[in-house]
C-alpha atoms as a PDB file:
ATOM      1  CA  MET A   1     215.001 107.882-137.206  1.00  0.00           C
ATOM      2  CA  THR A   2     214.933 104.381-137.769  1.00  0.00           C
ATOM      3  CA  ASN A   3     212.261 102.283-138.311  1.00  0.00           C
ATOM      4  CA  TYR A   4     211.614  99.005-137.462  1.00  0.00           C
ATOM      5  CA  ASP A   5     209.616  95.924-138.272  1.00  0.00           C
ATOM      6  CA  ILE A   6     206.877  94.640-136.090  1.00  0.00           C
ATOM      7  CA  THR A   7     205.334  91.455-136.394  1.00  0.00           C
ATOM      8  CA  ILE A   8     202.143  90.418-134.017  1.00  0.00           C
ATOM      9  CA  HIS A   9     201.073  86.382-133.720  1.00  0.00           C
ATOM     10  CA  THR A  10     197.857  86.323-132.603  1.00  0.00           C
ATOM     11  CA  ARG A  11     196.332  83.303-130.455  1.00  0.00           C
ATOM     12  CA  ASP A  12     194.707  81.293-133.134  1.00  0.00           C
ATOM     13  CA  ARG A  13     198.027  81.440-134.938  1.00  0.00           C
ATOM     14  CA  GLN A  14     197.620  84.425-137.311  1.00  0.00           C
ATOM     15  CA  ARG A  15     199.631  87.586-138.055  1.00  0.00           C
ATOM     16  CA  VAL A  16     199.969  91.254-138.296  1.00  0.00           C
ATOM     17  CA  SER A  17     202.882  93.658-139.547  1.00  0.00           C
ATOM     18  CA  PHE A  18     203.565  96.978-139.292  1.00  0.00           C
ATOM     19  CA  VAL A  19     206.734  99.681-139.308  1.00  0.00           C
ATOM     20  CA  CYS A  20     207.109 101.439-136.064  1.00  0.00           C
ATOM     21  CA  SER A  21     210.057 104.009-135.232  1.00  0.00           C
ATOM     22  CA  GLU A  22     212.673 103.548-132.649  1.00  0.00           C
ATOM     23  CA  ALA A  23     210.222 107.110-131.050  1.00  0.00           C
ATOM     24  CA  GLU A  24     206.582 105.622-131.580  1.00  0.00           C
ATOM     25  CA  ASP A  25     205.502 102.985-129.437  1.00  0.00           C
ATOM     26  CA  LEU A  26     204.019 100.258-130.823  1.00  0.00           C
ATOM     27  CA  LEU A  27     199.974 100.959-130.490  1.00  0.00           C
ATOM     28  CA  SER A  28     200.900 104.283-131.721  1.00  0.00           C
ATOM     29  CA  ALA A  29     202.271 102.902-134.718  1.00  0.00           C
ATOM     30  CA  ALA A  30     199.965 100.052-135.375  1.00  0.00           C
ATOM     31  CA  GLU A  31     196.687 102.489-135.655  1.00  0.00           C
ATOM     32  CA  ARG A  32     198.898 104.907-137.739  1.00  0.00           C
ATOM     33  CA  GLU A  33     198.768 101.797-140.720  1.00  0.00           C
ATOM     34  CA  ASN A  34     194.726 101.392-139.552  1.00  0.00           C
ATOM     35  CA  ILE A  35     195.177  98.491-137.053  1.00  0.00           C
ATOM     36  CA  LEU A  36     193.509  98.827-134.255  1.00  0.00           C
ATOM     37  CA  LEU A  37     194.912  96.495-131.756  1.00  0.00           C
ATOM     38  CA  PRO A  38     193.066  95.929-128.109  1.00  0.00           C
ATOM     39  CA  SER A  39     193.831  98.755-125.460  1.00  0.00           C
ATOM     40  CA  GLN A  40     192.401 100.110-122.750  1.00  0.00           C
ATOM     41  CA  CYS A  41     193.973 103.100-120.815  1.00  0.00           C
ATOM     42  CA  ARG A  42     196.796 103.871-123.494  1.00  0.00           C
ATOM     43  CA  LYS A  43     198.777 105.019-120.357  1.00  0.00           C
ATOM     44  CA  GLY A  44     199.957 101.277-118.765  1.00  0.00           C
ATOM     45  CA  THR A  45     198.237 101.229-116.281  1.00  0.00           C
ATOM     46  CA  CYS A  46     195.052  98.487-117.351  1.00  0.00           C
ATOM     47  CA  GLY A  47     197.147  95.809-118.801  1.00  0.00           C
ATOM     48  CA  ALA A  48     194.405  95.363-122.244  1.00  0.00           C
ATOM     49  CA  CYS A  49     197.555  96.005-124.467  1.00  0.00           C
ATOM     50  CA  VAL A  50     199.704  92.696-123.160  1.00  0.00           C
ATOM     51  CA  ALA A  51     202.050  91.024-125.269  1.00  0.00           C
ATOM     52  CA  THR A  52     205.127  88.794-125.188  1.00  0.00           C
ATOM     53  CA  VAL A  53     208.001  90.063-127.066  1.00  0.00           C
ATOM     54  CA  THR A  54     209.822  86.521-128.172  1.00  0.00           C
ATOM     55  CA  ALA A  55     212.494  88.301-130.302  1.00  0.00           C
ATOM     56  CA  GLY A  56     214.051  91.497-130.493  1.00  0.00           C
ATOM     57  CA  ALA A  57     215.674  94.399-128.492  1.00  0.00           C
ATOM     58  CA  TYR A  58     213.059  97.428-126.960  1.00  0.00           C
ATOM     59  CA  ARG A  59     212.564  99.884-123.940  1.00  0.00           C
ATOM     60  CA  LEU A  60     209.771  99.455-122.093  1.00  0.00           C
ATOM     61  CA  GLY A  61     208.436 103.039-120.967  1.00  0.00           C
ATOM     62  CA  GLU A  62     206.731 103.667-117.037  1.00  0.00           C
ATOM     63  CA  VAL A  63     204.287 101.244-116.820  1.00  0.00           C
ATOM     64  CA  SER A  64     201.956 100.050-113.596  1.00  0.00           C
ATOM     65  CA  THR A  65     203.437  97.196-111.974  1.00  0.00           C
ATOM     66  CA  GLU A  66     199.969  96.344-111.171  1.00  0.00           C
ATOM     67  CA  ALA A  67     199.123  95.931-114.519  1.00  0.00           C
ATOM     68  CA  LEU A  68     202.638  94.741-115.484  1.00  0.00           C
ATOM     69  CA  PRO A  69     204.256  92.541-112.792  1.00  0.00           C
ATOM     70  CA  GLU A  70     208.286  92.708-112.530  1.00  0.00           C
ATOM     71  CA  ASN A  71     208.109  89.158-113.170  1.00  0.00           C
ATOM     72  CA  ALA A  72     206.072  89.085-115.775  1.00  0.00           C
ATOM     73  CA  GLN A  73     208.135  91.786-117.431  1.00  0.00           C
ATOM     74  CA  ALA A  74     210.877  89.364-116.441  1.00  0.00           C
ATOM     75  CA  ARG A  75     209.732  86.738-119.047  1.00  0.00           C
ATOM     76  CA  GLY A  76     209.305  89.464-121.887  1.00  0.00           C
ATOM     77  CA  ASP A  77     205.746  90.597-121.114  1.00  0.00           C
ATOM     78  CA  VAL A  78     205.282  94.238-122.242  1.00  0.00           C
ATOM     79  CA  LEU A  79     202.460  96.781-122.947  1.00  0.00           C
ATOM     80  CA  MET A  80     202.386  97.966-126.245  1.00  0.00           C
ATOM     81  CA  CYS A  81     201.396 101.515-124.987  1.00  0.00           C
ATOM     82  CA  ARG A  82     204.697 101.613-123.577  1.00  0.00           C
ATOM     83  CA  THR A  83     206.925  99.596-125.933  1.00  0.00           C
ATOM     84  CA  TYR A  84     209.181 100.975-127.764  1.00  0.00           C
ATOM     85  CA  PRO A  85     211.166  99.011-130.493  1.00  0.00           C
ATOM     86  CA  GLN A  86     215.334  99.094-130.691  1.00  0.00           C
ATOM     87  CA  ALA A  87     215.467  96.140-133.238  1.00  0.00           C
ATOM     88  CA  ASP A  88     212.463  94.164-134.897  1.00  0.00           C
ATOM     89  CA  LEU A  89     210.391  92.666-133.111  1.00  0.00           C
ATOM     90  CA  ILE A  90     208.128  89.986-132.903  1.00  0.00           C
ATOM     91  CA  LEU A  91     205.538  89.507-130.376  1.00  0.00           C
ATOM     92  CA  GLU A  92     202.895  86.488-129.451  1.00  0.00           C
ATOM     93  CA  ALA A  93     199.487  88.506-128.406  1.00  0.00           C
ATOM     94  CA  PRO A  94     196.873  87.454-126.028  1.00  0.00           C
ATOM     95  CA  TYR A  95     193.804  87.169-128.362  1.00  0.00           C
ATOM     96  CA  ASP A  96     192.659  85.689-131.952  1.00  0.00           C
ATOM     97  CA  TYR A  97     193.339  87.679-135.054  1.00  0.00           C
ATOM     98  CA  ASP A  98     189.460  88.539-135.143  1.00  0.00           C
ATOM     99  CA  TYR A  99     189.722  90.827-132.516  1.00  0.00           C
ATOM    100  CA  ILE A 100     192.294  93.267-134.614  1.00  0.00           C
ATOM    101  CA  ARG A 101     190.179  96.110-136.145  1.00  0.00           C
ATOM    102  CA  PHE A 102     191.216  97.444-139.513  1.00  0.00           C
ATOM    103  CA  GLU A 103     188.405 100.407-139.490  1.00  0.00           C
ATOM    104  CA  ARG A 104     187.804 103.377-137.880  1.00  0.00           C
ATOM    105  CA  ILE A 105     186.013 102.731-134.401  1.00  0.00           C
ATOM    106  CA  PRO A 106     182.781 103.322-134.665  1.00  0.00           C
ATOM    107  CA  GLU A 107     182.196 106.777-133.065  1.00  0.00           C
ATOM    108  CA  ARG A 108     178.297 107.282-132.025  1.00  0.00           C
ATOM    109  CA  GLU A 109     175.731 109.616-130.186  1.00  0.00           C
ATOM    110  CA  ALA A 110     173.112 107.876-127.763  1.00  0.00           C
ATOM    111  CA  GLU A 111     170.442 109.302-125.542  1.00  0.00           C
ATOM    112  CA  VAL A 112     170.353 109.000-121.809  1.00  0.00           C
ATOM    113  CA  ILE A 113     166.916 106.956-121.169  1.00  0.00           C
ATOM    114  CA  GLU A 114     167.311 106.292-117.092  1.00  0.00           C
ATOM    115  CA  VAL A 115     169.963 107.294-114.557  1.00  0.00           C
ATOM    116  CA  THR A 116     169.110 105.719-111.060  1.00  0.00           C
ATOM    117  CA  MET A 117     171.032 104.548-107.710  1.00  0.00           C
ATOM    118  CA  VAL A 118     171.229 100.402-107.514  1.00  0.00           C
ATOM    119  CA  ALA A 119     173.873 100.385-104.625  1.00  0.00           C
ATOM    120  CA  THR A 120     175.148 102.588-102.441  1.00  0.00           C
ATOM    121  CA  GLY A 121     177.751 104.351-104.895  1.00  0.00           C
ATOM    122  CA  THR A 122     176.727 102.554-107.990  1.00  0.00           C
ATOM    123  CA  ARG A 123     174.552 103.895-110.841  1.00  0.00           C
ATOM    124  CA  ARG A 124     172.637 102.724-113.348  1.00  0.00           C
ATOM    125  CA  LEU A 125     173.205 104.479-116.888  1.00  0.00           C
ATOM    126  CA  LEU A 126     170.956 102.937-119.562  1.00  0.00           C
ATOM    127  CA  LEU A 127     171.546 104.699-123.119  1.00  0.00           C
ATOM    128  CA  ARG A 128     170.003 104.305-126.417  1.00  0.00           C
ATOM    129  CA  LEU A 129     171.744 105.095-129.563  1.00  0.00           C
ATOM    130  CA  GLN A 130     170.770 107.551-132.041  1.00  0.00           C
ATOM    131  CA  PRO A 131     169.977 106.216-135.899  1.00  0.00           C
ATOM    132  CA  ASP A 132     172.431 106.664-138.382  1.00  0.00           C
ATOM    133  CA  GLU A 133     173.770 105.133-141.154  1.00  0.00           C
ATOM    134  CA  GLN A 134     174.790 102.256-139.259  1.00  0.00           C
ATOM    135  CA  GLY A 135     170.893 102.132-138.092  1.00  0.00           C
ATOM    136  CA  GLY A 136     170.057 101.713-134.434  1.00  0.00           C
ATOM    137  CA  THR A 137     170.943  98.338-133.265  1.00  0.00           C
ATOM    138  CA  ALA A 138     173.656  97.787-130.431  1.00  0.00           C
ATOM    139  CA  GLU A 139     175.905  95.198-131.687  1.00  0.00           C
ATOM    140  CA  PHE A 140     178.785  93.619-129.373  1.00  0.00           C
ATOM    141  CA  GLU A 141     180.266  90.664-127.802  1.00  0.00           C
ATOM    142  CA  ALA A 142     179.519  90.225-124.337  1.00  0.00           C
ATOM    143  CA  GLY A 143     182.042  91.341-121.889  1.00  0.00           C
ATOM    144  CA  GLN A 144     182.795  94.096-124.617  1.00  0.00           C
ATOM    145  CA  PHE A 145     183.440  97.934-123.207  1.00  0.00           C
ATOM    146  CA  MET A 146     182.555 101.014-124.396  1.00  0.00           C
ATOM    147  CA  GLU A 147     184.044 104.530-124.263  1.00  0.00           C
ATOM    148  CA  ILE A 148     181.808 107.449-123.259  1.00  0.00           C
ATOM    149  CA  GLN A 149     182.878 111.128-123.686  1.00  0.00           C
ATOM    150  CA  VAL A 150     182.922 112.825-120.474  1.00  0.00           C
ATOM    151  CA  PRO A 151     180.465 116.109-121.704  1.00  0.00           C
ATOM    152  CA  GLY A 152     182.785 119.231-122.231  1.00  0.00           C
ATOM    153  CA  SER A 153     185.685 117.679-122.297  1.00  0.00           C
ATOM    154  CA  ASP A 154     187.724 115.230-124.927  1.00  0.00           C
ATOM    155  CA  ALA A 155     188.486 112.569-122.014  1.00  0.00           C
ATOM    156  CA  ARG A 156     186.668 109.300-122.412  1.00  0.00           C
ATOM    157  CA  ARG A 157     186.199 106.696-119.856  1.00  0.00           C
ATOM    158  CA  ALA A 158     185.886 103.139-120.977  1.00  0.00           C
ATOM    159  CA  TYR A 159     182.695 101.124-119.105  1.00  0.00           C
ATOM    160  CA  SER A 160     181.771  97.485-119.790  1.00  0.00           C
ATOM    161  CA  LEU A 161     177.948  96.670-121.198  1.00  0.00           C
ATOM    162  CA  ALA A 162     175.673  94.299-119.061  1.00  0.00           C
ATOM    163  CA  ASN A 163     173.282  93.871-121.169  1.00  0.00           C
ATOM    164  CA  ASN A 164     173.892  91.618-124.955  1.00  0.00           C
ATOM    165  CA  THR A 165     173.313  93.075-128.323  1.00  0.00           C
ATOM    166  CA  ASN A 166     169.705  94.160-129.416  1.00  0.00           C
ATOM    167  CA  TRP A 167     167.411  95.830-131.960  1.00  0.00           C
ATOM    168  CA  ASN A 168     166.536  98.673-129.424  1.00  0.00           C
ATOM    169  CA  GLY A 169     170.209  99.882-129.648  1.00  0.00           C
ATOM    170  CA  ASP A 170     169.928 100.073-125.801  1.00  0.00           C
ATOM    171  CA  LEU A 171     173.523  99.906-123.906  1.00  0.00           C
ATOM    172  CA  GLU A 172     173.349  99.496-120.393  1.00  0.00           C
ATOM    173  CA  PHE A 173     176.050  99.952-118.186  1.00  0.00           C
ATOM    174  CA  PHE A 174     176.472 100.041-113.965  1.00  0.00           C
ATOM    175  CA  ILE A 175     179.112 102.740-112.402  1.00  0.00           C
ATOM    176  CA  THR A 176     180.680 102.836-109.781  1.00  0.00           C
ATOM    177  CA  LEU A 177     180.829 106.863-108.380  1.00  0.00           C
ATOM    178  CA  ARG A 178     184.298 107.760-107.965  1.00  0.00           C
ATOM    179  CA  PRO A 179     184.489 110.671-105.661  1.00  0.00           C
ATOM    180  CA  GLY A 180     186.240 113.711-108.251  1.00  0.00           C
ATOM    181  CA  GLY A 181     186.545 111.057-111.135  1.00  0.00           C
ATOM    182  CA  ALA A 182     185.713 113.383-114.396  1.00  0.00           C
ATOM    183  CA  PHE A 183     182.606 111.182-115.660  1.00  0.00           C
ATOM    184  CA  SER A 184     181.147 110.146-112.128  1.00  0.00           C
ATOM    185  CA  THR A 185     181.110 113.831-111.607  1.00  0.00           C
ATOM    186  CA  TYR A 186     178.925 114.026-114.491  1.00  0.00           C
ATOM    187  CA  LEU A 187     176.736 111.536-113.624  1.00  0.00           C
ATOM    188  CA  GLU A 188     175.561 113.451-110.185  1.00  0.00           C
ATOM    189  CA  SER A 189     173.919 116.011-112.298  1.00  0.00           C
ATOM    190  CA  ALA A 190     173.002 113.574-115.645  1.00  0.00           C
ATOM    191  CA  LEU A 191     169.710 113.984-116.551  1.00  0.00           C
ATOM    192  CA  VAL A 192     167.345 112.154-119.307  1.00  0.00           C
ATOM    193  CA  GLY A 193     167.581 113.423-122.471  1.00  0.00           C
ATOM    194  CA  ASP A 194     171.404 114.570-122.437  1.00  0.00           C
ATOM    195  CA  ARG A 195     173.375 113.020-125.652  1.00  0.00           C
ATOM    196  CA  LEU A 196     176.621 111.489-125.158  1.00  0.00           C
ATOM    197  CA  ASN A 197     179.153 110.473-127.553  1.00  0.00           C
ATOM    198  CA  ILE A 198     180.694 106.776-127.532  1.00  0.00           C
ATOM    199  CA  ARG A 199     183.332 104.714-128.919  1.00  0.00           C
ATOM    200  CA  GLY A 200     183.289 101.027-129.293  1.00  0.00           C
ATOM    201  CA  PRO A 201     182.596  98.435-128.675  1.00  0.00           C
ATOM    202  CA  LEU A 202     185.890  97.471-128.267  1.00  0.00           C
ATOM    203  CA  GLY A 203     187.410  94.592-125.807  1.00  0.00           C
ATOM    204  CA  THR A 204     188.370  91.364-125.723  1.00  0.00           C
ATOM    205  CA  PHE A 205     187.285  90.035-122.026  1.00  0.00           C
ATOM    206  CA  THR A 206     184.707  87.762-124.070  1.00  0.00           C
ATOM    207  CA  LEU A 207     183.386  84.368-123.559  1.00  0.00           C
ATOM    208  CA  ARG A 208     185.556  81.764-124.987  1.00  0.00           C
ATOM    209  CA  GLU A 209     184.192  78.285-127.179  1.00  0.00           C
ATOM    210  CA  ASN A 210     186.382  75.607-124.814  1.00  0.00           C
ATOM    211  CA  GLY A 211     183.914  72.470-125.173  1.00  0.00           C
ATOM    212  CA  LEU A 212     182.178  71.050-122.280  1.00  0.00           C
ATOM    213  CA  ARG A 213     184.473  73.096-119.449  1.00  0.00           C
ATOM    214  CA  PRO A 214     182.425  75.186-116.774  1.00  0.00           C
ATOM    215  CA  ARG A 215     182.713  78.257-117.039  1.00  0.00           C
ATOM    216  CA  TRP A 216     183.351  79.956-113.218  1.00  0.00           C
ATOM    217  CA  PHE A 217     182.387  83.624-112.845  1.00  0.00           C
ATOM    218  CA  VAL A 218     183.950  85.365-110.491  1.00  0.00           C
ATOM    219  CA  GLY A 219     183.369  89.850-110.124  1.00  0.00           C
ATOM    220  CA  GLY A 220     183.885  92.513-107.174  1.00  0.00           C
ATOM    221  CA  GLY A 221     181.760  95.276-107.247  1.00  0.00           C
ATOM    222  CA  THR A 222     181.156  96.814-110.435  1.00  0.00           C
ATOM    223  CA  GLY A 223     183.233  93.748-112.070  1.00  0.00           C
ATOM    224  CA  LEU A 224     180.104  91.759-112.109  1.00  0.00           C
ATOM    225  CA  VAL A 225     178.556  93.741-115.332  1.00  0.00           C
ATOM    226  CA  PRO A 226     180.540  92.120-117.943  1.00  0.00           C
ATOM    227  CA  LEU A 227     180.017  88.697-116.378  1.00  0.00           C
ATOM    228  CA  LEU A 228     176.277  89.679-116.318  1.00  0.00           C
ATOM    229  CA  SER A 229     176.371  90.467-120.091  1.00  0.00           C
ATOM    230  CA  MET A 230     178.014  86.753-120.374  1.00  0.00           C
ATOM    231  CA  LEU A 231     175.633  84.865-118.475  1.00  0.00           C
ATOM    232  CA  ARG A 232     172.707  86.866-120.449  1.00  0.00           C
ATOM    233  CA  ARG A 233     173.914  85.710-123.171  1.00  0.00           C
ATOM    234  CA  MET A 234     174.409  81.993-122.090  1.00  0.00           C
ATOM    235  CA  ALA A 235     170.897  82.335-121.108  1.00  0.00           C
ATOM    236  CA  ASP A 236     169.432  83.820-124.298  1.00  0.00           C
ATOM    237  CA  TRP A 237     171.764  81.428-125.980  1.00  0.00           C
ATOM    238  CA  GLY A 238     170.398  78.578-123.827  1.00  0.00           C
ATOM    239  CA  GLU A 239     174.013  77.341-123.272  1.00  0.00           C
ATOM    240  CA  MET A 240     173.793  74.808-120.337  1.00  0.00           C
ATOM    241  CA  LEU A 241     177.389  74.449-120.056  1.00  0.00           C
ATOM    242  CA  PRO A 242     177.815  73.900-115.920  1.00  0.00           C
ATOM    243  CA  ALA A 243     178.593  77.149-114.635  1.00  0.00           C
ATOM    244  CA  ARG A 244     179.334  79.366-111.179  1.00  0.00           C
ATOM    245  CA  LEU A 245     179.002  82.818-110.111  1.00  0.00           C
ATOM    246  CA  TYR A 246     180.695  84.645-107.051  1.00  0.00           C
ATOM    247  CA  PHE A 247     179.978  87.890-106.509  1.00  0.00           C
ATOM    248  CA  GLY A 248     181.917  89.930-103.932  1.00  0.00           C
ATOM    249  CA  ALA A 249     181.260  93.161-102.404  1.00  0.00           C
ATOM    250  CA  ARG A 250     181.975  94.516 -98.420  1.00  0.00           C
ATOM    251  CA  TYR A 251     178.496  95.367 -97.552  1.00  0.00           C
ATOM    252  CA  GLU A 252     175.099  94.352 -98.098  1.00  0.00           C
ATOM    253  CA  ASP A 253     174.073  97.394 -99.595  1.00  0.00           C
ATOM    254  CA  GLU A 254     177.004  97.822-102.375  1.00  0.00           C
ATOM    255  CA  LEU A 255     175.498  94.374-103.747  1.00  0.00           C
ATOM    256  CA  PHE A 256     173.616  95.189-106.954  1.00  0.00           C
ATOM    257  CA  CYS A 257     171.469  93.351-109.859  1.00  0.00           C
ATOM    258  CA  GLN A 258     170.570  90.232-107.303  1.00  0.00           C
ATOM    259  CA  GLU A 259     167.411  90.176-109.075  1.00  0.00           C
ATOM    260  CA  GLU A 260     168.540  90.242-112.775  1.00  0.00           C
ATOM    261  CA  ILE A 261     170.793  87.316-111.578  1.00  0.00           C
ATOM    262  CA  ARG A 262     167.674  85.388-110.396  1.00  0.00           C
ATOM    263  CA  GLN A 263     166.437  85.784-113.553  1.00  0.00           C
ATOM    264  CA  ILE A 264     169.362  84.379-115.152  1.00  0.00           C
ATOM    265  CA  GLN A 265     169.167  81.370-112.922  1.00  0.00           C
ATOM    266  CA  ASP A 266     165.322  80.817-114.173  1.00  0.00           C
ATOM    267  CA  LYS A 267     166.707  79.938-117.622  1.00  0.00           C
ATOM    268  CA  LEU A 268     169.715  78.553-117.024  1.00  0.00           C
ATOM    269  CA  PRO A 269     169.108  76.139-113.892  1.00  0.00           C
ATOM    270  CA  GLN A 270     172.591  74.622-113.727  1.00  0.00           C
ATOM    271  CA  LEU A 271     173.834  78.162-112.428  1.00  0.00           C
ATOM    272  CA  GLN A 272     174.962  78.100-108.667  1.00  0.00           C
ATOM    273  CA  VAL A 273     175.763  81.812-107.000  1.00  0.00           C
ATOM    274  CA  LYS A 274     178.037  82.487-103.865  1.00  0.00           C
ATOM    275  CA  MET A 275     176.856  86.298-102.952  1.00  0.00           C
ATOM    276  CA  CYS A 276     179.835  86.744-100.953  1.00  0.00           C
ATOM    277  CA  LEU A 277     180.418  89.644 -98.183  1.00  0.00           C
ATOM    278  CA  SER A 278     183.494  90.234 -96.637  1.00  0.00           C
ATOM    279  CA  ARG A 279     182.270  92.575 -94.161  1.00  0.00           C
ATOM    280  CA  PRO A 280     178.486  90.745 -93.937  1.00  0.00           C
ATOM    281  CA  GLY A 281     176.234  91.879 -91.082  1.00  0.00           C
ATOM    282  CA  ASN A 282     174.121  89.092 -88.687  1.00  0.00           C
ATOM    283  CA  GLN A 283     171.667  88.485 -90.616  1.00  0.00           C
ATOM    284  CA  TRP A 284     173.591  87.586 -94.126  1.00  0.00           C
ATOM    285  CA  ALA A 285     172.601  84.097 -94.746  1.00  0.00           C
ATOM    286  CA  ASP A 286     175.332  83.502 -98.046  1.00  0.00           C
ATOM    287  CA  TYR A 287     178.963  83.226 -98.035  1.00  0.00           C
ATOM    288  CA  ARG A 288     180.531  85.099 -95.385  1.00  0.00           C
ATOM    289  CA  GLY A 289     184.171  85.756 -96.525  1.00  0.00           C
ATOM    290  CA  SER A 290     186.067  87.343 -99.561  1.00  0.00           C
ATOM    291  CA  VAL A 291     184.993  86.392-103.212  1.00  0.00           C
ATOM    292  CA  ILE A 292     188.756  84.685-102.798  1.00  0.00           C
ATOM    293  CA  ASN A 293     188.022  82.572 -99.959  1.00  0.00           C
ATOM    294  CA  ALA A 294     184.876  81.243-101.416  1.00  0.00           C
ATOM    295  CA  LEU A 295     186.566  80.249-104.744  1.00  0.00           C
ATOM    296  CA  ARG A 296     189.201  78.578-102.515  1.00  0.00           C
ATOM    297  CA  ASP A 297     186.742  76.832-101.493  1.00  0.00           C
ATOM    298  CA  ASP A 298     185.596  74.840-104.484  1.00  0.00           C
ATOM    299  CA  LEU A 299     188.994  74.862-105.987  1.00  0.00           C
ATOM    300  CA  SER A 300     190.232  72.979-103.539  1.00  0.00           C
ATOM    301  CA  SER A 301     187.367  70.077-103.669  1.00  0.00           C
ATOM    302  CA  SER A 302     187.535  67.545-106.152  1.00  0.00           C
ATOM    303  CA  LEU A 303     186.637  68.601-109.575  1.00  0.00           C
ATOM    304  CA  SER A 304     186.190  66.275-112.634  1.00  0.00           C
ATOM    305  CA  VAL A 305     186.934  69.122-114.846  1.00  0.00           C
ATOM    306  CA  LEU A 306     188.979  72.518-114.483  1.00  0.00           C
ATOM    307  CA  PRO A 307     186.971  75.211-115.383  1.00  0.00           C
ATOM    308  CA  ASP A 308     187.555  78.784-116.784  1.00  0.00           C
ATOM    309  CA  LEU A 309     187.851  81.496-114.880  1.00  0.00           C
ATOM    310  CA  TYR A 310     186.586  84.793-115.884  1.00  0.00           C
ATOM    311  CA  VAL A 311     187.694  87.410-113.448  1.00  0.00           C
ATOM    312  CA  CYS A 312     186.765  91.346-113.409  1.00  0.00           C
ATOM    313  CA  GLY A 313     187.113  93.281-110.598  1.00  0.00           C
ATOM    314  CA  SER A 314     190.503  95.827-108.716  1.00  0.00           C
ATOM    315  CA  THR A 315     193.838  94.915-109.494  1.00  0.00           C
ATOM    316  CA  ARG A 316     194.079  93.185-105.828  1.00  0.00           C
ATOM    317  CA  LEU A 317     191.395  90.827-107.030  1.00  0.00           C
ATOM    318  CA  VAL A 318     192.566  89.696-110.307  1.00  0.00           C
ATOM    319  CA  GLN A 319     195.771  88.933-108.802  1.00  0.00           C
ATOM    320  CA  GLY A 320     195.112  87.243-106.113  1.00  0.00           C
ATOM    321  CA  VAL A 321     192.401  85.096-108.383  1.00  0.00           C
ATOM    322  CA  THR A 322     195.447  84.373-110.726  1.00  0.00           C
ATOM    323  CA  GLU A 323     197.683  83.427-107.927  1.00  0.00           C
ATOM    324  CA  LEU A 324     195.135  81.080-106.752  1.00  0.00           C
ATOM    325  CA  ALA A 325     193.960  79.414-109.758  1.00  0.00           C
ATOM    326  CA  LEU A 326     197.590  78.801-110.811  1.00  0.00           C
ATOM    327  CA  SER A 327     197.850  77.223-107.160  1.00  0.00           C
ATOM    328  CA  GLN A 328     195.575  74.453-107.530  1.00  0.00           C
ATOM    329  CA  GLY A 329     196.839  73.660-111.136  1.00  0.00           C
ATOM    330  CA  LEU A 330     194.312  75.572-113.351  1.00  0.00           C
ATOM    331  CA  PRO A 331     196.979  76.714-115.865  1.00  0.00           C
ATOM    332  CA  ASP A 332     196.846  79.883-117.783  1.00  0.00           C
ATOM    333  CA  SER A 333     194.941  79.226-120.311  1.00  0.00           C
ATOM    334  CA  CYS A 334     191.700  78.788-118.142  1.00  0.00           C
ATOM    335  CA  LEU A 335     192.038  82.487-117.193  1.00  0.00           C
ATOM    336  CA  GLN A 336     190.128  85.308-118.467  1.00  0.00           C
ATOM    337  CA  PHE A 337     190.115  89.314-116.954  1.00  0.00           C
ATOM    338  CA  GLU A 338     190.414  92.305-117.224  1.00  0.00           C
ATOM    339  CA  ARG A 339     191.010  94.991-114.686  1.00  0.00           C
ATOM    340  CA  PHE A 340     188.918  97.965-113.094  1.00  0.00           C
ATOM    341  CA  LEU A 341     190.466 101.556-114.155  1.00  0.00           C
ATOM    342  CA  SER A 342     189.053 104.445-111.259  1.00  0.00           C
ATOM    343  CA  ALA A 343     187.019 107.042-114.197  1.00  0.00           C
END
């Protein structure tokens, strides 16, 4: 079996190298050498392990065209969990070297502290890490996610964190219930005191330091969750960068964390918020229309400084916002996004 040399250049111009056989995908080969590259589903459906091949031949396995559109494939973008080398490869990764881990991802046990319904189809899950040799502190970057093991199964599901690093070991999640979903089914009968195995933190959807450039956050449904974590970090750190939040849903009863958002505004008076309903009731006083239309209205106005866009939600939302932003002259470097996966 032929082995090939794989070199990945990160966004901050560092590199990592490993060996991969022609029968092995890049993600698995890296992990075999204790190089943990950013990833999520490992099934070719989420797009979290995207990179661009700049030299070398490869075979791309089956991938979702929502996660990796055909035009992206044509320019050399790949999902590393579905890429098999046929020659030495050089790739460009869309994240910094610090997001690559060279150690085992922490696995911890956490206790269920609270499970409450906060909106139609959405539950808040509060976990608390159990003290171990790593202590009891919950440490992660705003915007990252954890993998939670489904009780009675080896399956894991990824969920974004809504809170920030804290000494209590608290991990806050807001989870959309999916009919028949493995973890959603568990949540229907979850009890305070249950113990869950978690893995993480993971993910590269985090705040970037970009001078005084405004930050605009766009979320649909529970796509609000990592954005809430980012805004809470800005509030805790007293960051006064111009900021906007666009939170979209279909109906008013699907909205959640409105009080939490008001509390953030008390600390970040520069934060402008638009609650967007695509199917509003007669009494709805905020934006009437999709979150993409709300964003289009504001991007079309005269802007002295282009904003950084942080987008989280369905593939449709991410694709729509991306196309809109590029059509309005925002470069790729201004876009950060993360897609949902049903769980």
